[in-house]
Amino acid sequence: MKIRPLHDRVVVRRKEEEATTAGGIILSGSAKEKSNEGEVVAVGQGRLLNSGEISPLSVKVGDQVIFGGFPSNNNIIKDGDDELIIMSEAEIFGVLED
């Protein structure tokens, strides 16, 4: 599925949830905690400023990001087994760097 987000929106592919705990306990589907990490797969043009200029976004395609754990269900799109989330750049807390 190809999505082109508008303005300051970003499409993030949520990282797969962990199936086991650090202690080796296998979690069922309902007990798994949703990951708050993902990869940016598409970005909009940027934020429209009051002056009419467009301010480019700070994130780019391929960035590994951390975001709030509970995005609105209205912004979640299923693409097969993948979960794509459309969010504002402001909802991203940070970019993971090596």
Protein backbone atom coordinates (compact mmCIF):
# COMPACT_ATOMS: atom_id res chain seq x y z
CA MET A 1 0.00 0.00 0.00
CA LYS A 2 1.36 3.43 -0.94
CA ILE A 3 0.30 6.44 1.16
CA ARG A 4 1.38 10.03 0.60
CA PRO A 5 0.76 11.95 3.84
CA LEU A 6 -0.22 15.61 3.67
CA HIS A 7 1.43 18.61 5.35
CA ASP A 8 3.21 17.67 8.62
CA ARG A 9 1.88 14.11 8.73
CA VAL A 10 4.15 11.05 8.89
CA VAL A 11 3.39 7.37 8.16
CA VAL A 12 5.12 4.98 10.58
CA ARG A 13 5.29 1.18 10.39
CA ARG A 14 4.97 -0.04 13.97
CA LYS A 15 7.77 -2.34 15.15
CA GLU A 16 6.54 -5.86 15.83
CA GLU A 17 5.63 -6.58 19.45
CA GLU A 18 7.86 -8.80 21.52
CA ALA A 19 6.52 -12.37 21.81
CA THR A 20 8.54 -13.23 24.92
CA THR A 21 9.57 -11.34 28.03
CA ALA A 22 13.18 -10.85 29.11
CA GLY A 23 12.68 -13.81 31.47
CA GLY A 24 11.60 -16.07 28.59
CA ILE A 25 7.84 -16.09 29.25
CA ILE A 26 5.86 -16.43 26.01
CA LEU A 27 3.07 -13.86 25.75
CA SER A 28 -0.29 -14.51 24.14
CA GLY A 29 -1.64 -12.05 21.58
CA SER A 30 -3.82 -10.19 24.08
CA ALA A 31 -1.01 -9.88 26.65
CA LYS A 32 1.49 -8.35 24.22
CA GLU A 33 2.19 -4.70 24.75
CA LYS A 34 2.01 -2.52 21.64
CA SER A 35 5.42 -1.22 20.68
CA ASN A 36 5.95 2.53 20.71
CA GLU A 37 8.78 2.26 18.17
CA GLY A 38 8.60 2.18 14.40
CA GLU A 39 10.12 3.09 11.07
CA VAL A 40 9.10 6.14 9.06
CA VAL A 41 7.85 4.96 5.66
CA ALA A 42 6.51 8.25 4.25
CA VAL A 43 6.53 11.96 5.13
CA GLY A 44 4.48 14.94 4.03
CA GLN A 45 5.91 18.11 2.46
CA GLY A 46 6.12 19.99 5.74
CA ARG A 47 4.29 22.32 8.07
CA LEU A 48 2.57 25.30 6.48
CA LEU A 49 3.63 28.45 8.32
CA ASN A 50 1.49 31.59 8.76
CA SER A 51 3.75 33.35 6.24
CA GLY A 52 2.73 30.80 3.59
CA GLU A 53 6.14 29.13 3.55
CA ILE A 54 6.58 25.40 4.13
CA SER A 55 8.88 24.29 6.95
CA PRO A 56 10.42 20.86 6.15
CA LEU A 57 9.99 18.01 8.62
CA SER A 58 12.77 16.84 10.94
CA VAL A 59 12.23 13.14 10.22
CA LYS A 60 12.88 11.33 6.95
CA VAL A 61 11.97 7.99 5.42
CA GLY A 62 13.91 5.19 7.10
CA ASP A 63 14.28 6.90 10.49
CA GLN A 64 13.64 4.69 13.53
CA VAL A 65 11.39 6.70 15.86
CA ILE A 66 9.71 6.56 19.28
CA PHE A 67 6.13 7.81 19.57
CA GLY A 68 3.24 7.78 22.04
CA GLY A 69 2.04 4.27 22.85
CA PHE A 70 -1.65 4.85 22.14
CA PRO A 71 -2.30 6.62 18.83
CA SER A 72 -5.95 7.10 17.85
CA ASN A 73 -7.52 4.03 16.22
CA ASN A 74 -8.75 6.34 13.45
CA ASN A 75 -5.13 6.77 12.34
CA ILE A 76 -4.20 3.07 12.14
CA ILE A 77 -4.24 1.23 8.80
CA LYS A 78 -3.70 -2.51 8.45
CA ASP A 79 -1.58 -3.61 5.47
CA GLY A 80 -1.44 -7.38 5.73
CA ASP A 81 0.37 -8.11 9.00
CA ASP A 82 1.87 -4.60 9.12
CA GLU A 83 0.30 -1.80 11.12
CA LEU A 84 0.77 1.64 9.59
CA ILE A 85 0.08 4.71 11.71
CA ILE A 86 -0.55 8.17 10.29
CA MET A 87 0.48 10.80 12.84
CA SER A 88 1.58 14.38 13.09
CA GLU A 89 5.32 14.91 13.38
CA ALA A 90 4.60 16.52 16.78
CA GLU A 91 3.45 13.09 18.07
CA ILE A 92 6.95 11.67 17.51
CA PHE A 93 9.09 11.93 20.64
CA GLY A 94 12.47 11.26 19.08
CA VAL A 95 14.64 9.54 16.47
CA LEU A 96 16.69 6.50 17.52
CA GLU A 97 20.32 6.84 16.50
CA ASP A 98 23.06 4.19 16.54
